Amino acid sequence: MIQFTPMKTNIYIDGNNLYRGAKELGFDIEYKKFRGWLRQKYNATSIYLFIGLVPDRVKFYEHLQECGFILVFKQTVSVGGVVKGNCDAELVLKATSDFYTKSFDKCILITGDGDFGCLVEFLAQNSVLTGVLAPHEKKCSILLKNKNIEITFLNEHYHKFAKQVPKRKSPRCRRICTRVFFVVM
């Protein structure tokens, strides 16, 4: 008797790239809906979210885990008041390690970052990459676009798992607009 073994699909998410892409397009991701959409559309077994660890965001991280994401953290540092926590190396290492330990049959990357070009190439050459989901079409690197792989741009999908937020004028614009307003009066 032949037994059917379901295909295991892992998804690896560049958390910062996803967040920034959605924000720039005016969306705030509802992570529970997003996890559901990924599971339904791609039959995902495990979804890894690579994210910088900021100590005062513990409640947010707990929420992400409750939504079903497997979080992989990178310690952050503050440089000139800007928090930095690049997780690229961790994502590459995890996906490559999972490939060699046969933790998945197929995988998907969610990023638009060209730094993952070598990983995309490696996974595609080994016939395990289903495709790339890029968070922002205009910000997707040519280093991914030239890899001859399927890229789905999330621009047309955010409405399924995110809230549209009104774009706010920058504080500088508000000051200038206010000054012009007072000058005119």
C-alpha atoms as a PDB file:
ATOM      1  CA  MET A   1       0.000   0.000   0.000  1.00  0.00           C
ATOM      2  CA  ILE A   2       1.370   3.414  -0.981  1.00  0.00           C
ATOM      3  CA  GLN A   3       1.227   6.033   1.737  1.00  0.00           C
ATOM      4  CA  PHE A   4       0.747   9.665   0.843  1.00  0.00           C
ATOM      5  CA  THR A   5       3.100  11.993   2.677  1.00  0.00           C
ATOM      6  CA  PRO A   6       1.965  15.612   2.535  1.00  0.00           C
ATOM      7  CA  MET A   7       4.490  18.066   1.131  1.00  0.00           C
ATOM      8  CA  LYS A   8       6.166  20.263   3.741  1.00  0.00           C
ATOM      9  CA  THR A   9       6.418  23.927   2.793  1.00  0.00           C
ATOM     10  CA  ASN A  10       8.373  26.383   4.911  1.00  0.00           C
ATOM     11  CA  ILE A  11       8.113  30.144   4.564  1.00  0.00           C
ATOM     12  CA  TYR A  12      10.972  32.427   5.597  1.00  0.00           C
ATOM     13  CA  ILE A  13      10.036  36.081   6.169  1.00  0.00           C
ATOM     14  CA  ASP A  14      12.389  39.055   6.223  1.00  0.00           C
ATOM     15  CA  GLY A  15      10.347  40.831   8.913  1.00  0.00           C
ATOM     16  CA  ASN A  16      11.806  44.300   8.474  1.00  0.00           C
ATOM     17  CA  ASN A  17      11.416  44.206   4.692  1.00  0.00           C
ATOM     18  CA  LEU A  18       7.781  43.090   5.011  1.00  0.00           C
ATOM     19  CA  TYR A  19       6.965  45.736   7.629  1.00  0.00           C
ATOM     20  CA  ARG A  20       8.602  48.590   5.712  1.00  0.00           C
ATOM     21  CA  GLY A  21       7.081  47.552   2.390  1.00  0.00           C
ATOM     22  CA  ALA A  22       3.575  47.446   3.852  1.00  0.00           C
ATOM     23  CA  LYS A  23       4.022  50.758   5.698  1.00  0.00           C
ATOM     24  CA  GLU A  24       5.294  52.553   2.586  1.00  0.00           C
ATOM     25  CA  LEU A  25       2.186  51.382   0.732  1.00  0.00           C
ATOM     26  CA  GLY A  26      -0.042  52.576   3.580  1.00  0.00           C
ATOM     27  CA  PHE A  27      -0.879  49.202   5.160  1.00  0.00           C
ATOM     28  CA  ASP A  28      -0.735  47.892   8.709  1.00  0.00           C
ATOM     29  CA  ILE A  29      -0.485  44.084   8.648  1.00  0.00           C
ATOM     30  CA  GLU A  30      -2.959  42.068  10.693  1.00  0.00           C
ATOM     31  CA  TYR A  31      -0.639  39.185  11.468  1.00  0.00           C
ATOM     32  CA  LYS A  32      -3.299  36.629  12.363  1.00  0.00           C
ATOM     33  CA  LYS A  33      -4.991  37.186   8.986  1.00  0.00           C
ATOM     34  CA  PHE A  34      -1.622  37.184   7.250  1.00  0.00           C
ATOM     35  CA  ARG A  35      -0.703  33.825   8.808  1.00  0.00           C
ATOM     36  CA  GLY A  36      -4.077  32.425   7.753  1.00  0.00           C
ATOM     37  CA  TRP A  37      -3.644  33.727   4.200  1.00  0.00           C
ATOM     38  CA  LEU A  38      -0.193  32.140   3.941  1.00  0.00           C
ATOM     39  CA  ARG A  39      -1.427  28.828   5.296  1.00  0.00           C
ATOM     40  CA  GLN A  40      -4.455  28.755   2.987  1.00  0.00           C
ATOM     41  CA  LYS A  41      -2.743  29.979  -0.191  1.00  0.00           C
ATOM     42  CA  TYR A  42       0.592  28.163   0.164  1.00  0.00           C
ATOM     43  CA  ASN A  43      -0.251  25.274   2.507  1.00  0.00           C
ATOM     44  CA  ALA A  44       2.597  26.366   4.773  1.00  0.00           C
ATOM     45  CA  THR A  45       3.850  23.944   7.389  1.00  0.00           C
ATOM     46  CA  SER A  46       6.195  26.305   9.250  1.00  0.00           C
ATOM     47  CA  ILE A  47       6.415  30.080   8.921  1.00  0.00           C
ATOM     48  CA  TYR A  48       9.565  31.703  10.269  1.00  0.00           C
ATOM     49  CA  LEU A  49       9.599  35.438  10.930  1.00  0.00           C
ATOM     50  CA  PHE A  50      13.070  36.967  11.281  1.00  0.00           C
ATOM     51  CA  ILE A  51      12.920  40.095  13.388  1.00  0.00           C
ATOM     52  CA  GLY A  52      15.118  42.352  15.501  1.00  0.00           C
ATOM     53  CA  LEU A  53      14.725  41.892  19.260  1.00  0.00           C
ATOM     54  CA  VAL A  54      13.627  45.102  20.980  1.00  0.00           C
ATOM     55  CA  PRO A  55      13.064  44.457  24.719  1.00  0.00           C
ATOM     56  CA  ASP A  56       9.990  46.715  25.073  1.00  0.00           C
ATOM     57  CA  ARG A  57       8.139  44.874  22.243  1.00  0.00           C
ATOM     58  CA  VAL A  58       7.582  41.637  24.199  1.00  0.00           C
ATOM     59  CA  LYS A  59       3.762  41.836  23.959  1.00  0.00           C
ATOM     60  CA  PHE A  60       4.009  42.198  20.184  1.00  0.00           C
ATOM     61  CA  TYR A  61       6.294  39.157  19.958  1.00  0.00           C
ATOM     62  CA  GLU A  62       3.859  37.144  22.101  1.00  0.00           C
ATOM     63  CA  HIS A  63       1.055  38.172  19.736  1.00  0.00           C
ATOM     64  CA  LEU A  64       3.068  37.011  16.719  1.00  0.00           C
ATOM     65  CA  GLN A  65       3.706  33.647  18.382  1.00  0.00           C
ATOM     66  CA  GLU A  66       0.004  33.310  19.229  1.00  0.00           C
ATOM     67  CA  CYS A  67      -0.703  33.923  15.524  1.00  0.00           C
ATOM     68  CA  GLY A  68       1.467  30.905  14.711  1.00  0.00           C
ATOM     69  CA  PHE A  69       4.731  32.458  13.583  1.00  0.00           C
ATOM     70  CA  ILE A  70       8.029  30.926  14.629  1.00  0.00           C
ATOM     71  CA  LEU A  71      10.149  33.898  15.618  1.00  0.00           C
ATOM     72  CA  VAL A  72      13.877  34.067  14.985  1.00  0.00           C
ATOM     73  CA  PHE A  73      15.470  37.041  16.728  1.00  0.00           C
ATOM     74  CA  LYS A  74      18.552  39.115  16.118  1.00  0.00           C
ATOM     75  CA  GLN A  75      19.842  41.262  18.943  1.00  0.00           C
ATOM     76  CA  THR A  76      19.461  44.942  18.109  1.00  0.00           C
ATOM     77  CA  VAL A  77      21.753  47.876  18.717  1.00  0.00           C
ATOM     78  CA  SER A  78      20.937  51.555  18.770  1.00  0.00           C
ATOM     79  CA  VAL A  79      23.077  53.677  16.457  1.00  0.00           C
ATOM     80  CA  GLY A  80      22.414  57.396  16.714  1.00  0.00           C
ATOM     81  CA  GLY A  81      18.915  56.747  18.066  1.00  0.00           C
ATOM     82  CA  VAL A  82      18.078  54.327  15.226  1.00  0.00           C
ATOM     83  CA  VAL A  83      17.498  50.673  16.174  1.00  0.00           C
ATOM     84  CA  LYS A  84      19.401  48.242  13.945  1.00  0.00           C
ATOM     85  CA  GLY A  85      18.886  44.475  13.835  1.00  0.00           C
ATOM     86  CA  ASN A  86      19.624  43.042  10.387  1.00  0.00           C
ATOM     87  CA  CYS A  87      18.521  39.389  10.274  1.00  0.00           C
ATOM     88  CA  ASP A  88      19.719  38.534   6.757  1.00  0.00           C
ATOM     89  CA  ALA A  89      22.475  36.127   7.851  1.00  0.00           C
ATOM     90  CA  GLU A  90      20.112  34.326  10.252  1.00  0.00           C
ATOM     91  CA  LEU A  91      17.512  33.824   7.512  1.00  0.00           C
ATOM     92  CA  VAL A  92      20.104  32.492   5.040  1.00  0.00           C
ATOM     93  CA  LEU A  93      21.582  30.160   7.666  1.00  0.00           C
ATOM     94  CA  LYS A  94      18.181  28.799   8.765  1.00  0.00           C
ATOM     95  CA  ALA A  95      16.881  28.199   5.241  1.00  0.00           C
ATOM     96  CA  THR A  96      20.135  26.534   4.163  1.00  0.00           C
ATOM     97  CA  SER A  97      20.310  24.412   7.314  1.00  0.00           C
ATOM     98  CA  ASP A  98      16.676  23.356   6.857  1.00  0.00           C
ATOM     99  CA  PHE A  99      17.437  22.396   3.253  1.00  0.00           C
ATOM    100  CA  TYR A 100      20.320  20.133   4.265  1.00  0.00           C
ATOM    101  CA  THR A 101      18.360  18.533   7.121  1.00  0.00           C
ATOM    102  CA  LYS A 102      15.417  18.006   4.729  1.00  0.00           C
ATOM    103  CA  SER A 103      13.066  20.002   6.974  1.00  0.00           C
ATOM    104  CA  PHE A 104      10.983  20.991   3.945  1.00  0.00           C
ATOM    105  CA  ASP A 105      10.126  19.848   0.445  1.00  0.00           C
ATOM    106  CA  LYS A 106       9.462  23.360  -0.874  1.00  0.00           C
ATOM    107  CA  CYS A 107       9.989  26.846   0.488  1.00  0.00           C
ATOM    108  CA  ILE A 108       8.989  30.455  -0.116  1.00  0.00           C
ATOM    109  CA  LEU A 109      10.911  33.606   0.775  1.00  0.00           C
ATOM    110  CA  ILE A 110       9.168  36.850   1.665  1.00  0.00           C
ATOM    111  CA  THR A 111      11.558  39.685   0.886  1.00  0.00           C
ATOM    112  CA  GLY A 112      12.467  42.214  -1.748  1.00  0.00           C
ATOM    113  CA  ASP A 113      16.076  42.481  -0.550  1.00  0.00           C
ATOM    114  CA  GLY A 114      18.741  41.735  -3.150  1.00  0.00           C
ATOM    115  CA  ASP A 115      21.042  40.437  -0.419  1.00  0.00           C
ATOM    116  CA  PHE A 116      19.049  37.197  -0.672  1.00  0.00           C
ATOM    117  CA  GLY A 117      19.923  36.741  -4.346  1.00  0.00           C
ATOM    118  CA  CYS A 118      22.478  34.024  -3.593  1.00  0.00           C
ATOM    119  CA  LEU A 119      19.993  32.137  -1.390  1.00  0.00           C
ATOM    120  CA  VAL A 120      17.302  32.391  -4.087  1.00  0.00           C
ATOM    121  CA  GLU A 121      19.785  31.028  -6.632  1.00  0.00           C
ATOM    122  CA  PHE A 122      20.825  28.152  -4.341  1.00  0.00           C
ATOM    123  CA  LEU A 123      17.251  27.127  -3.518  1.00  0.00           C
ATOM    124  CA  ALA A 124      16.122  27.424  -7.160  1.00  0.00           C
ATOM    125  CA  GLN A 125      19.075  25.330  -8.400  1.00  0.00           C
ATOM    126  CA  ASN A 126      18.077  22.652  -5.897  1.00  0.00           C
ATOM    127  CA  SER A 127      14.428  22.758  -7.096  1.00  0.00           C
ATOM    128  CA  VAL A 128      12.962  23.622  -3.691  1.00  0.00           C
ATOM    129  CA  LEU A 129      12.032  27.292  -4.168  1.00  0.00           C
ATOM    130  CA  THR A 130       8.364  27.785  -4.958  1.00  0.00           C
ATOM    131  CA  GLY A 131       8.864  31.527  -5.332  1.00  0.00           C
ATOM    132  CA  VAL A 132       9.449  34.873  -3.693  1.00  0.00           C
ATOM    133  CA  LEU A 133       6.773  37.164  -2.275  1.00  0.00           C
ATOM    134  CA  ALA A 134       8.088  40.720  -2.490  1.00  0.00           C
ATOM    135  CA  PRO A 135       6.487  43.215  -0.089  1.00  0.00           C
ATOM    136  CA  HIS A 136       6.721  46.218  -2.452  1.00  0.00           C
ATOM    137  CA  GLU A 137       6.972  45.960  -6.240  1.00  0.00           C
ATOM    138  CA  LYS A 138       8.851  49.221  -6.761  1.00  0.00           C
ATOM    139  CA  LYS A 139      11.322  48.429  -3.952  1.00  0.00           C
ATOM    140  CA  CYS A 140      12.084  44.857  -5.073  1.00  0.00           C
ATOM    141  CA  SER A 141      15.772  44.571  -5.949  1.00  0.00           C
ATOM    142  CA  ILE A 142      16.911  43.885  -9.489  1.00  0.00           C
ATOM    143  CA  LEU A 143      19.190  41.288  -7.874  1.00  0.00           C
ATOM    144  CA  LEU A 144      16.041  39.210  -7.238  1.00  0.00           C
ATOM    145  CA  LYS A 145      14.178  40.161 -10.399  1.00  0.00           C
ATOM    146  CA  ASN A 146      17.008  38.906 -12.614  1.00  0.00           C
ATOM    147  CA  LYS A 147      17.031  35.393 -11.083  1.00  0.00           C
ATOM    148  CA  ASN A 148      14.388  33.956 -13.459  1.00  0.00           C
ATOM    149  CA  ILE A 149      12.110  32.897 -10.605  1.00  0.00           C
ATOM    150  CA  GLU A 150       8.465  33.535  -9.838  1.00  0.00           C
ATOM    151  CA  ILE A 151       7.985  36.739  -7.846  1.00  0.00           C
ATOM    152  CA  THR A 152       4.571  37.651  -6.465  1.00  0.00           C
ATOM    153  CA  PHE A 153       4.239  41.251  -5.382  1.00  0.00           C
ATOM    154  CA  LEU A 154       2.173  41.734  -2.241  1.00  0.00           C
ATOM    155  CA  ASN A 155       0.975  45.181  -3.390  1.00  0.00           C
ATOM    156  CA  GLU A 156      -2.185  43.588  -4.792  1.00  0.00           C
ATOM    157  CA  HIS A 157      -2.734  41.298  -1.789  1.00  0.00           C
ATOM    158  CA  TYR A 158      -2.401  43.506   1.290  1.00  0.00           C
ATOM    159  CA  HIS A 159      -6.146  44.208   1.322  1.00  0.00           C
ATOM    160  CA  LYS A 160      -6.659  40.518   2.205  1.00  0.00           C
ATOM    161  CA  PHE A 161      -4.680  40.673   5.458  1.00  0.00           C
ATOM    162  CA  ALA A 162      -3.932  44.295   6.312  1.00  0.00           C
ATOM    163  CA  LYS A 163      -5.702  47.522   7.201  1.00  0.00           C
ATOM    164  CA  GLN A 164      -5.169  50.552   5.027  1.00  0.00           C
ATOM    165  CA  VAL A 165      -3.966  53.432   7.157  1.00  0.00           C
ATOM    166  CA  PRO A 166      -4.222  57.033   6.059  1.00  0.00           C
ATOM    167  CA  LYS A 167      -0.875  58.458   5.052  1.00  0.00           C
ATOM    168  CA  ARG A 168       0.145  61.200   7.436  1.00  0.00           C
ATOM    169  CA  LYS A 169       2.053  64.243   6.407  1.00  0.00           C
ATOM    170  CA  SER A 170       5.551  64.399   7.767  1.00  0.00           C
ATOM    171  CA  PRO A 171       6.142  66.795  10.704  1.00  0.00           C
ATOM    172  CA  ARG A 172       8.284  68.965   8.391  1.00  0.00           C
ATOM    173  CA  CYS A 173       5.422  69.252   5.899  1.00  0.00           C
ATOM    174  CA  ARG A 174       2.984  70.179   8.664  1.00  0.00           C
ATOM    175  CA  ARG A 175       5.320  72.972   9.841  1.00  0.00           C
ATOM    176  CA  ILE A 176       5.725  74.320   6.305  1.00  0.00           C
ATOM    177  CA  CYS A 177       1.990  74.041   5.600  1.00  0.00           C
ATOM    178  CA  THR A 178       1.229  75.814   8.885  1.00  0.00           C
ATOM    179  CA  ARG A 179       3.677  78.608   8.077  1.00  0.00           C
ATOM    180  CA  VAL A 180       2.173  79.092   4.629  1.00  0.00           C
ATOM    181  CA  PHE A 181      -1.298  79.121   6.159  1.00  0.00           C
ATOM    182  CA  PHE A 182      -0.357  81.859   8.615  1.00  0.00           C
ATOM    183  CA  VAL A 183       1.460  83.918   5.972  1.00  0.00           C
ATOM    184  CA  VAL A 184      -1.584  83.837   3.693  1.00  0.00           C
ATOM    185  CA  MET A 185      -3.903  85.043   6.449  1.00  0.00           C
END
